[in-house]
C-alpha atoms as a PDB file:
ATOM      1  CA  MET A   1     189.926  31.415  37.139  1.00  0.00           C
ATOM      2  CA  PRO A   2     186.136  31.984  37.381  1.00  0.00           C
ATOM      3  CA  THR A   3     184.869  35.222  38.737  1.00  0.00           C
ATOM      4  CA  LYS A   4     181.398  35.591  40.176  1.00  0.00           C
ATOM      5  CA  SER A   5     179.797  37.187  37.072  1.00  0.00           C
ATOM      6  CA  ASP A   6     180.653  34.050  35.261  1.00  0.00           C
ATOM      7  CA  HIS A   7     179.381  31.193  38.265  1.00  0.00           C
ATOM      8  CA  GLY A   8     176.628  29.206  36.007  1.00  0.00           C
ATOM      9  CA  ARG A   9     178.205  29.679  32.901  1.00  0.00           C
ATOM     10  CA  THR A  10     179.809  26.749  30.948  1.00  0.00           C
ATOM     11  CA  THR A  11     182.095  27.662  28.109  1.00  0.00           C
ATOM     12  CA  GLY A  12     184.647  25.267  26.254  1.00  0.00           C
ATOM     13  CA  GLY A  13     181.865  22.363  26.425  1.00  0.00           C
ATOM     14  CA  PRO A  14     179.820  20.913  22.948  1.00  0.00           C
ATOM     15  CA  PRO A  15     176.887  22.793  21.884  1.00  0.00           C
ATOM     16  CA  SER A  16     173.733  22.037  23.115  1.00  0.00           C
ATOM     17  CA  VAL A  17     171.616  19.543  21.352  1.00  0.00           C
ATOM     18  CA  PRO A  18     167.456  20.589  21.243  1.00  0.00           C
ATOM     19  CA  PRO A  19     165.066  17.869  22.762  1.00  0.00           C
ATOM     20  CA  HIS A  20     163.389  15.586  20.227  1.00  0.00           C
ATOM     21  CA  PRO A  21     160.136  16.805  18.588  1.00  0.00           C
ATOM     22  CA  ARG A  22     157.110  15.238  20.302  1.00  0.00           C
ATOM     23  CA  PRO A  23     155.314  12.622  18.042  1.00  0.00           C
ATOM     24  CA  ARG A  24     151.892  14.028  17.149  1.00  0.00           C
ATOM     25  CA  THR A  25     149.033  12.403  19.486  1.00  0.00           C
ATOM     26  CA  PRO A  26     145.870  11.666  18.496  1.00  0.00           C
ATOM     27  CA  VAL A  27     144.407  14.716  20.221  1.00  0.00           C
ATOM     28  CA  THR A  28     146.556  17.431  18.427  1.00  0.00           C
ATOM     29  CA  LEU A  29     145.432  15.685  15.219  1.00  0.00           C
ATOM     30  CA  GLY A  30     141.885  15.255  16.078  1.00  0.00           C
ATOM     31  CA  LEU A  31     141.825  19.181  17.274  1.00  0.00           C
ATOM     32  CA  ALA A  32     143.297  20.267  14.158  1.00  0.00           C
ATOM     33  CA  ALA A  33     140.758  18.401  12.336  1.00  0.00           C
ATOM     34  CA  LEU A  34     137.920  20.473  14.470  1.00  0.00           C
ATOM     35  CA  LEU A  35     139.493  23.754  13.560  1.00  0.00           C
ATOM     36  CA  ALA A  36     139.659  22.862   9.881  1.00  0.00           C
ATOM     37  CA  THR A  37     135.647  22.018  10.097  1.00  0.00           C
ATOM     38  CA  ALA A  38     134.975  24.925  11.924  1.00  0.00           C
ATOM     39  CA  ALA A  39     136.273  27.008   9.441  1.00  0.00           C
ATOM     40  CA  TRP A  40     134.834  25.431   6.786  1.00  0.00           C
ATOM     41  CA  PHE A  41     131.413  25.877   8.118  1.00  0.00           C
ATOM     42  CA  LEU A  42     132.520  29.489   8.865  1.00  0.00           C
ATOM     43  CA  TYR A  43     133.639  30.278   5.071  1.00  0.00           C
ATOM     44  CA  ALA A  44     131.085  27.883   3.247  1.00  0.00           C
ATOM     45  CA  ASP A  45     128.083  29.530   1.720  1.00  0.00           C
ATOM     46  CA  PRO A  46     125.307  29.870   4.325  1.00  0.00           C
ATOM     47  CA  ALA A  47     122.189  28.064   4.759  1.00  0.00           C
ATOM     48  CA  PRO A  48     119.544  29.083   3.386  1.00  0.00           C
ATOM     49  CA  PRO A  49     116.784  30.875   6.074  1.00  0.00           C
ATOM     50  CA  TYR A  50     114.291  28.774   4.943  1.00  0.00           C
ATOM     51  CA  ALA A  51     113.253  25.111   4.420  1.00  0.00           C
ATOM     52  CA  LEU A  52     110.926  22.641   3.273  1.00  0.00           C
ATOM     53  CA  ARG A  53     108.785  21.458   5.662  1.00  0.00           C
ATOM     54  CA  PRO A  54     106.845  18.329   5.826  1.00  0.00           C
ATOM     55  CA  GLY A  55     103.601  18.941   4.118  1.00  0.00           C
ATOM     56  CA  PRO A  56     102.543  19.650   1.329  1.00  0.00           C
ATOM     57  CA  GLU A  57     104.637  17.295  -0.778  1.00  0.00           C
ATOM     58  CA  VAL A  58     105.632  19.275  -4.001  1.00  0.00           C
ATOM     59  CA  ARG A  59     106.107  17.444  -7.161  1.00  0.00           C
ATOM     60  CA  LEU A  60     108.769  19.820  -9.342  1.00  0.00           C
ATOM     61  CA  ASP A  61     110.625  18.515 -12.137  1.00  0.00           C
ATOM     62  CA  LEU A  62     112.736  21.609 -12.998  1.00  0.00           C
ATOM     63  CA  GLU A  63     115.192  20.844 -16.198  1.00  0.00           C
ATOM     64  CA  GLN A  64     117.556  23.800 -17.726  1.00  0.00           C
ATOM     65  CA  ALA A  65     116.632  25.618 -20.482  1.00  0.00           C
ATOM     66  CA  PRO A  66     118.430  24.284 -23.912  1.00  0.00           C
ATOM     67  CA  ASP A  67     120.056  27.740 -24.228  1.00  0.00           C
ATOM     68  CA  ALA A  68     121.155  27.989 -20.657  1.00  0.00           C
ATOM     69  CA  ARG A  69     122.816  24.516 -20.861  1.00  0.00           C
ATOM     70  CA  ALA A  70     125.499  25.932 -22.577  1.00  0.00           C
ATOM     71  CA  TYR A  71     126.398  28.184 -19.290  1.00  0.00           C
ATOM     72  CA  PRO A  72     128.234  26.669 -16.285  1.00  0.00           C
ATOM     73  CA  ASP A  73     126.286  29.376 -14.582  1.00  0.00           C
ATOM     74  CA  ALA A  74     122.912  27.475 -14.877  1.00  0.00           C
ATOM     75  CA  ALA A  75     124.757  23.985 -13.540  1.00  0.00           C
ATOM     76  CA  GLU A  76     125.750  26.343 -10.656  1.00  0.00           C
ATOM     77  CA  ILE A  77     122.971  27.595  -9.577  1.00  0.00           C
ATOM     78  CA  GLN A  78     120.268  24.929 -10.239  1.00  0.00           C
ATOM     79  CA  PRO A  79     120.455  23.340  -6.284  1.00  0.00           C
ATOM     80  CA  GLY A  80     119.638  26.733  -4.503  1.00  0.00           C
ATOM     81  CA  VAL A  81     117.014  27.579  -6.992  1.00  0.00           C
ATOM     82  CA  GLU A  82     115.521  24.305  -6.931  1.00  0.00           C
ATOM     83  CA  LEU A  83     115.365  24.219  -3.533  1.00  0.00           C
ATOM     84  CA  LEU A  84     113.881  27.939  -3.551  1.00  0.00           C
ATOM     85  CA  THR A  85     111.444  26.966  -5.776  1.00  0.00           C
ATOM     86  CA  ARG A  86     110.648  23.471  -4.065  1.00  0.00           C
ATOM     87  CA  VAL A  87     109.743  25.869  -0.770  1.00  0.00           C
ATOM     88  CA  TYR A  88     107.963  28.629  -2.855  1.00  0.00           C
ATOM     89  CA  LEU A  89     105.624  25.846  -4.341  1.00  0.00           C
ATOM     90  CA  GLN A  90     104.974  24.169  -0.862  1.00  0.00           C
ATOM     91  CA  ARG A  91     103.794  28.013   0.504  1.00  0.00           C
ATOM     92  CA  LEU A  92     101.657  28.580  -2.280  1.00  0.00           C
ATOM     93  CA  ALA A  93     100.060  25.570  -2.258  1.00  0.00           C
ATOM     94  CA  ALA A  94      99.420  25.673   1.599  1.00  0.00           C
ATOM     95  CA  GLY A  95      98.149  29.351   0.990  1.00  0.00           C
ATOM     96  CA  ASP A  96     100.958  30.555   3.358  1.00  0.00           C
ATOM     97  CA  ARG A  97     101.293  34.483   2.612  1.00  0.00           C
ATOM     98  CA  ARG A  98     103.351  34.695   5.534  1.00  0.00           C
ATOM     99  CA  GLY A  99     105.335  32.225   4.604  1.00  0.00           C
ATOM    100  CA  LEU A 100     105.976  32.929   1.188  1.00  0.00           C
ATOM    101  CA  ALA A 101     106.612  36.833   1.563  1.00  0.00           C
ATOM    102  CA  GLU A 102     109.317  35.185   4.031  1.00  0.00           C
ATOM    103  CA  LEU A 103     110.796  34.635   0.845  1.00  0.00           C
ATOM    104  CA  GLY A 104     111.012  37.647  -0.663  1.00  0.00           C
ATOM    105  CA  ALA A 105     113.992  39.388  -0.947  1.00  0.00           C
ATOM    106  CA  PRO A 106     114.320  41.347   1.960  1.00  0.00           C
ATOM    107  CA  TRP A 107     115.347  44.516   0.506  1.00  0.00           C
ATOM    108  CA  TYR A 108     111.818  44.221  -1.484  1.00  0.00           C
ATOM    109  CA  ARG A 109     108.700  46.484  -0.202  1.00  0.00           C
ATOM    110  CA  GLY A 110     105.412  44.833  -0.687  1.00  0.00           C
ATOM    111  CA  ARG A 111     106.180  41.479  -0.317  1.00  0.00           C
ATOM    112  CA  GLU A 112     102.953  40.147   1.999  1.00  0.00           C
ATOM    113  CA  ALA A 113     100.817  41.893  -0.466  1.00  0.00           C
ATOM    114  CA  ALA A 114     102.560  40.177  -3.489  1.00  0.00           C
ATOM    115  CA  ALA A 115     102.160  37.208  -1.825  1.00  0.00           C
ATOM    116  CA  GLY A 116      98.075  37.200  -1.329  1.00  0.00           C
ATOM    117  CA  GLU A 117      98.360  38.280  -5.231  1.00  0.00           C
ATOM    118  CA  TRP A 118     100.430  35.122  -6.278  1.00  0.00           C
ATOM    119  CA  ILE A 119      98.560  32.996  -3.717  1.00  0.00           C
ATOM    120  CA  GLY A 120      95.180  34.025  -5.409  1.00  0.00           C
ATOM    121  CA  ALA A 121      96.414  33.628  -8.657  1.00  0.00           C
ATOM    122  CA  TYR A 122      98.574  30.492  -8.299  1.00  0.00           C
ATOM    123  CA  GLY A 123      97.812  28.776  -5.286  1.00  0.00           C
ATOM    124  CA  SER A 124      94.502  26.971  -5.879  1.00  0.00           C
ATOM    125  CA  GLY A 125      95.847  24.583  -7.888  1.00  0.00           C
ATOM    126  CA  ASP A 126      95.010  20.820  -7.913  1.00  0.00           C
ATOM    127  CA  GLY A 127      98.794  19.724  -6.098  1.00  0.00           C
ATOM    128  CA  GLY A 128      99.782  18.385  -8.995  1.00  0.00           C
ATOM    129  CA  PRO A 129     103.129  18.189 -10.920  1.00  0.00           C
ATOM    130  CA  VAL A 130     105.030  21.111 -11.737  1.00  0.00           C
ATOM    131  CA  ALA A 131     107.653  21.795 -14.570  1.00  0.00           C
ATOM    132  CA  GLY A 132     110.049  23.901 -14.308  1.00  0.00           C
ATOM    133  CA  VAL A 133     112.461  25.700 -16.360  1.00  0.00           C
ATOM    134  CA  LEU A 134     115.363  26.933 -15.318  1.00  0.00           C
ATOM    135  CA  GLN A 135     115.957  30.017 -18.032  1.00  0.00           C
ATOM    136  CA  ASP A 136     119.609  30.896 -19.290  1.00  0.00           C
ATOM    137  CA  PRO A 137     121.215  33.553 -16.554  1.00  0.00           C
ATOM    138  CA  VAL A 138     122.040  36.236 -17.899  1.00  0.00           C
ATOM    139  CA  ALA A 139     123.222  38.322 -15.071  1.00  0.00           C
ATOM    140  CA  PRO A 140     125.294  37.025 -11.901  1.00  0.00           C
ATOM    141  CA  ASP A 141     122.987  36.650  -9.088  1.00  0.00           C
ATOM    142  CA  LEU A 142     119.724  36.916 -11.061  1.00  0.00           C
ATOM    143  CA  ALA A 143     117.564  33.702 -12.181  1.00  0.00           C
ATOM    144  CA  THR A 144     113.927  32.968 -13.868  1.00  0.00           C
ATOM    145  CA  VAL A 145     112.175  29.694 -13.392  1.00  0.00           C
ATOM    146  CA  GLU A 146     109.189  29.442 -15.742  1.00  0.00           C
ATOM    147  CA  LEU A 147     106.984  26.989 -14.086  1.00  0.00           C
ATOM    148  CA  ARG A 148     103.882  25.152 -15.917  1.00  0.00           C
ATOM    149  CA  PHE A 149     101.347  23.942 -13.204  1.00  0.00           C
ATOM    150  CA  ALA A 150      98.990  20.623 -13.960  1.00  0.00           C
ATOM    151  CA  ASP A 151      95.928  22.946 -14.355  1.00  0.00           C
ATOM    152  CA  GLY A 152      97.777  24.228 -17.179  1.00  0.00           C
ATOM    153  CA  ARG A 153      98.208  27.898 -15.774  1.00  0.00           C
ATOM    154  CA  GLU A 154     102.144  29.549 -16.051  1.00  0.00           C
ATOM    155  CA  GLN A 155     104.095  31.794 -13.904  1.00  0.00           C
ATOM    156  CA  ARG A 156     107.649  33.242 -14.559  1.00  0.00           C
ATOM    157  CA  VAL A 157     109.099  33.592 -11.550  1.00  0.00           C
ATOM    158  CA  GLY A 158     112.317  36.156 -11.097  1.00  0.00           C
ATOM    159  CA  LEU A 159     115.010  35.100  -8.398  1.00  0.00           C
ATOM    160  CA  VAL A 160     117.385  37.232  -6.923  1.00  0.00           C
ATOM    161  CA  ARG A 161     120.782  35.938  -5.233  1.00  0.00           C
ATOM    162  CA  GLY A 162     122.178  38.280  -1.853  1.00  0.00           C
ATOM    163  CA  ASP A 163     124.576  37.349   0.437  1.00  0.00           C
ATOM    164  CA  GLY A 164     124.676  33.990  -1.454  1.00  0.00           C
ATOM    165  CA  THR A 165     121.060  33.198  -0.819  1.00  0.00           C
ATOM    166  CA  TRP A 166     118.252  32.575  -3.323  1.00  0.00           C
ATOM    167  CA  TRP A 167     115.190  35.081  -2.787  1.00  0.00           C
ATOM    168  CA  LEU A 168     111.997  35.433  -4.804  1.00  0.00           C
ATOM    169  CA  SER A 169     111.750  39.225  -6.609  1.00  0.00           C
ATOM    170  CA  LEU A 170     108.315  39.017  -4.835  1.00  0.00           C
ATOM    171  CA  GLY A 171     107.229  42.936  -4.435  1.00  0.00           C
ATOM    172  CA  ASP A 172     108.539  45.971  -5.278  1.00  0.00           C
ATOM    173  CA  GLY A 173     112.372  46.739  -5.715  1.00  0.00           C
ATOM    174  CA  ASP A 174     115.561  46.417  -7.349  1.00  0.00           C
ATOM    175  CA  PRO A 175     117.438  43.253  -8.141  1.00  0.00           C
ATOM    176  CA  ALA A 176     120.446  44.655  -7.679  1.00  0.00           C
ATOM    177  CA  GLY A 177     119.328  46.188  -4.131  1.00  0.00           C
ATOM    178  CA  ALA A 178     121.318  43.989  -2.397  1.00  0.00           C
ATOM    179  CA  ASP A 179     124.024  46.536  -1.414  1.00  0.00           C
ATOM    180  CA  GLY A 180     121.899  49.121  -1.541  1.00  0.00           C
ATOM    181  CA  ASP A 181     119.303  50.460   0.958  1.00  0.00           C
ATOM    182  CA  GLN A 182     115.894  49.282  -0.173  1.00  0.00           C
END
C-alpha cells in the first residue's frame, strides 16, 4: 500500500526514454557559422592601421632577392612588406610628411623629422616606376627593401614588425623595441 511519501512515484514500470533530438535548423547552423566567422576575425592577423589612398598612383615591382627565395619567410612576409612599401611610396610622392611619419614604428622617436628628410631626399621623383628587392629576412620581424627609383636614386628601407603589423624603421629606435618602453 502506498504511503503519503510515495505519492506520485512510479515503481516497477519501464525505464523512461529520452526525447528524440531536435533536428538542426537553418537558424542554428547560421548562428554557428556566424560565431565561427567572428572567432576567425578576432584571431586572424589584424589589418594594418594604414592603407593605400586613391592617389598618387604608385608603380612598384617588388621581387625577392635570389638568396631570399631559399627562405620560406620571404614569401610569407612579402604581402605585408609590399603593402607597406606601396603606402610608403605613395606618401613619399605626395610629400605627406605627417602621413609618412605615421608609417614609422610607433616605438621610434623623431619619426616626423626623419619623414621630412626622406621626402627631401627621395620625394621629388618623377612618379615613374620603382623597382624593389626584398632582401633575405635574417631575423624574424625584420626586413629590408632596396628601392631603385626611375631617376636612378636608390634607397635601402628597414622594416620592422610589431603586433603583426609591418612598420618603417623611421627615426631613432630599436627594431626590437616593440616589446620595450621606447
